[in-house]
Protein backbone atom coordinates (compact mmCIF):
# COMPACT_ATOMS: atom_id res chain seq x y z
CA MET A 1 0.16 0.07 0.08
CA ALA A 2 1.14 3.56 -0.97
CA TYR A 3 1.80 6.29 1.27
CA PHE A 4 -0.09 9.44 0.83
CA THR A 5 0.46 12.76 2.26
CA ARG A 6 -2.50 14.94 2.92
CA ASN A 7 -1.20 17.19 0.23
CA LYS A 8 -1.29 14.36 -2.15
CA MET A 9 -4.97 13.37 -0.94
CA GLU A 10 -6.15 16.65 -1.31
CA MET A 11 -4.32 16.92 -5.18
CA MET A 12 -6.23 13.82 -6.05
CA VAL A 13 -9.38 14.90 -4.78
CA LEU A 14 -8.71 18.34 -6.88
CA GLU A 15 -8.02 16.04 -10.13
CA LEU A 16 -11.36 14.49 -9.41
CA TYR A 17 -13.25 17.95 -9.40
CA ALA A 18 -11.34 18.54 -12.85
CA ALA A 19 -12.59 15.23 -14.36
CA ASN A 20 -15.88 16.07 -12.74
CA ALA A 21 -16.18 19.70 -14.70
CA ARG A 22 -16.00 17.38 -18.19
CA PHE A 23 -19.49 16.54 -17.77
CA ALA A 24 -21.03 20.02 -16.76
CA ASN A 25 -22.76 19.73 -20.32
CA GLY A 26 -23.70 15.83 -20.24
CA GLY A 27 -21.08 13.87 -21.85
CA THR A 28 -18.82 14.73 -24.68
CA ASP A 29 -18.90 13.33 -28.30
CA ASP A 30 -16.01 11.41 -27.10
CA TYR A 31 -17.66 8.36 -25.52
CA GLN A 32 -14.20 6.25 -25.02
CA GLY A 33 -12.42 9.29 -23.28
CA ASP A 34 -15.76 10.00 -21.01
CA LEU A 35 -15.23 6.28 -20.15
CA ARG A 36 -11.55 6.34 -19.55
CA ALA A 37 -12.14 9.59 -17.55
CA LEU A 38 -14.93 7.55 -15.30
CA ILE A 39 -12.73 4.74 -14.91
CA GLU A 40 -9.39 7.20 -13.85
CA CYS A 41 -11.66 8.67 -11.17
CA GLN A 42 -13.27 5.64 -9.98
CA GLN A 43 -9.67 4.03 -9.17
CA LYS A 44 -8.22 7.12 -7.38
CA ALA A 45 -11.24 7.33 -5.32
CA LEU A 46 -11.14 3.55 -4.43
CA VAL A 47 -7.36 3.90 -3.79
CA LEU A 48 -7.86 6.76 -1.59
CA GLY A 49 -10.94 4.96 0.39
CA GLU A 50 -8.67 2.00 1.08
CA TYR A 51 -5.83 3.92 2.23
CA LEU A 52 -8.32 5.80 4.63
CA GLU A 53 -9.36 2.16 5.82
CA SER A 54 -5.70 0.96 6.24
CA MET A 55 -4.77 4.11 8.41
CA GLY A 56 -6.48 2.41 11.47
CA MET A 57 -8.27 5.47 12.49
CA ASP A 58 -12.06 5.87 11.98
CA TYR A 59 -12.58 7.40 8.57
CA SER A 60 -15.55 5.37 7.83
CA ASP A 61 -17.42 8.37 7.17
CA ILE A 62 -15.21 9.75 4.49
CA VAL A 63 -14.77 6.00 2.77
CA GLU A 64 -18.52 6.34 2.93
CA LYS A 65 -18.43 9.50 0.34
CA PHE A 66 -15.90 8.00 -1.65
CA GLU A 67 -18.54 5.07 -2.11
CA LYS A 68 -21.42 7.32 -2.85
CA TYR A 69 -19.22 8.97 -5.25
CA CYS A 70 -18.08 5.60 -6.85
CA ASN A 71 -21.76 4.77 -7.20
CA LEU A 72 -22.44 8.30 -9.18
CA ILE A 73 -19.78 7.55 -11.33
CA TYR A 74 -20.74 3.91 -12.43
CA ASP A 75 -24.19 5.80 -12.80
CA ILE A 76 -22.99 8.28 -15.05
CA SER A 77 -21.00 5.19 -17.26
CA GLU A 78 -23.86 3.42 -17.62
CA ASN A 79 -25.96 6.44 -18.90
CA LEU A 80 -23.67 8.35 -20.67
CA ASN A 81 -26.07 9.12 -23.21
CA ASP A 82 -28.84 10.31 -20.39
CA ARG A 83 -27.37 14.10 -20.84
CA GLU A 84 -29.99 14.94 -18.00
CA LEU A 85 -28.74 12.14 -15.41
CA VAL A 86 -24.86 13.10 -16.13
CA ILE A 87 -25.90 16.46 -15.43
CA ASP A 88 -27.77 15.86 -12.17
CA HIS A 89 -24.78 13.23 -10.82
CA LYS A 90 -22.06 15.88 -11.87
CA LEU A 91 -23.73 18.19 -9.68
CA ASP A 92 -24.62 15.86 -6.90
CA ILE A 93 -20.43 14.92 -7.04
CA GLU A 94 -19.47 18.47 -6.28
CA PRO A 95 -20.85 18.88 -2.68
CA ILE A 96 -19.45 15.24 -2.06
CA LEU A 97 -15.90 16.20 -3.29
CA SER A 98 -16.35 19.21 -1.34
CA SER A 99 -16.85 17.78 1.72
CA ILE A 100 -14.36 14.81 1.36
CA LEU A 101 -11.87 17.78 0.64
CA LYS A 102 -12.85 19.49 3.81
CA ASP A 103 -12.34 16.25 6.05
CA ILE A 104 -9.25 15.49 4.55
CA GLU A 105 -8.04 19.40 5.28
CA GLU A 106 -9.54 19.27 9.04
CA ARG A 107 -9.21 15.42 10.04
CA ILE A 108 -6.44 13.56 8.70
CA ILE A 109 -3.37 13.44 10.61
CA GLU A 110 -0.29 13.39 8.95
CA ILE A 111 2.86 12.12 11.15
CA ARG A 112 5.97 14.45 10.73
CA SER A 113 8.47 12.64 12.49
CA ILE A 114 8.60 9.64 14.91
CA ASP A 115 10.61 9.63 17.88
CA VAL A 116 11.36 5.87 19.71
CA TYR A 117 11.93 5.81 23.50
CA ASP A 118 13.30 3.07 25.29
CA PHE A 119 11.04 2.39 28.98
CA ARG A 120 13.38 -0.55 29.97
CA GLY A 121 13.72 -0.22 33.71
CA LEU A 122 11.75 3.40 33.86
CA VAL A 123 9.56 1.94 36.61
CA ASP A 124 10.69 -0.01 39.94
CA ALA A 125 7.36 -1.00 41.95
CA PRO A 126 5.62 -3.93 40.73
CA GLY A 127 2.25 -1.86 40.87
CA GLU A 128 3.50 1.08 39.03
CA LYS A 129 5.26 -0.96 36.42
CA ALA A 130 1.70 -2.71 35.59
CA ILE A 131 -0.10 0.49 35.34
CA VAL A 132 2.61 2.11 33.20
CA SER A 133 3.10 -0.69 31.11
CA LYS A 134 -0.72 -0.91 30.61
CA GLU A 135 -0.69 2.70 29.25
CA ILE A 136 2.12 2.16 27.24
CA ASN A 137 0.77 -0.50 25.86
CA ARG A 138 -2.16 0.97 25.02
CA LEU A 139 -0.51 3.71 23.14
CA ILE A 140 1.58 1.50 21.09
CA ASP A 141 -1.47 -0.91 20.18
CA SER A 142 -3.53 2.47 19.19
CA CYS A 143 -0.50 3.13 17.20
CA LEU A 144 0.37 0.27 15.69
CA GLY A 145 -1.99 -2.18 15.81
CA ASN A 146 -2.49 -4.96 18.41
CA VAL A 147 0.27 -6.96 20.19
CA PRO A 148 0.39 -8.72 23.57
CA GLY A 149 0.72 -6.63 26.50
CA LEU A 150 3.28 -6.82 29.31
CA THR A 151 1.87 -8.30 32.84
CA GLU A 152 3.09 -7.19 36.24
CA GLY A 153 6.72 -7.63 37.03
CA GLU A 154 7.70 -8.21 33.59
CA GLU A 155 10.75 -5.86 32.34
CA MET A 156 9.44 -3.19 29.98
CA TYR A 157 11.38 -3.51 26.94
CA ARG A 158 8.71 -2.40 24.40
CA PRO A 159 9.71 1.15 23.08
CA LEU A 160 6.99 3.83 22.67
CA VAL A 161 6.81 5.23 19.45
CA VAL A 162 5.75 9.12 19.52
CA GLY A 163 4.63 10.97 16.38
CA THR A 164 4.91 14.85 16.08
CA TYR A 165 1.82 16.10 14.38
């Protein structure tokens, strides 16, 4: 899976906007070109939606907007000869893309740097060690996925990964 910066995601959505303008008056006389443009748009939307799902954060509402966008694109591709439907869907797509762009700008967290700290031997008391290890594991798991936690009395060796946002 590729890594996309927030800026790259915004540029891809803006490319979807630009492609949407192609259908301002319905389809063009270039049926094959219209289909090619729609397929490319759908592929970009799918890649972005899958990427957001893979990030491990709850961006399901943004993914749903991409799904709605893809459904409209599919309807256009199946009905390119229906000028009115194409124009209506083009108009329906604009607020969806606008909302997606706003969500990307306001909600996507972009890690600028990562620092790794070693907490081995940080805490000596067994009770405190359990509390600290549980919190460290919770933070690590939320960043990297689920891994088995430490139990009380074990030496803490897992690093804490801290991102700068």
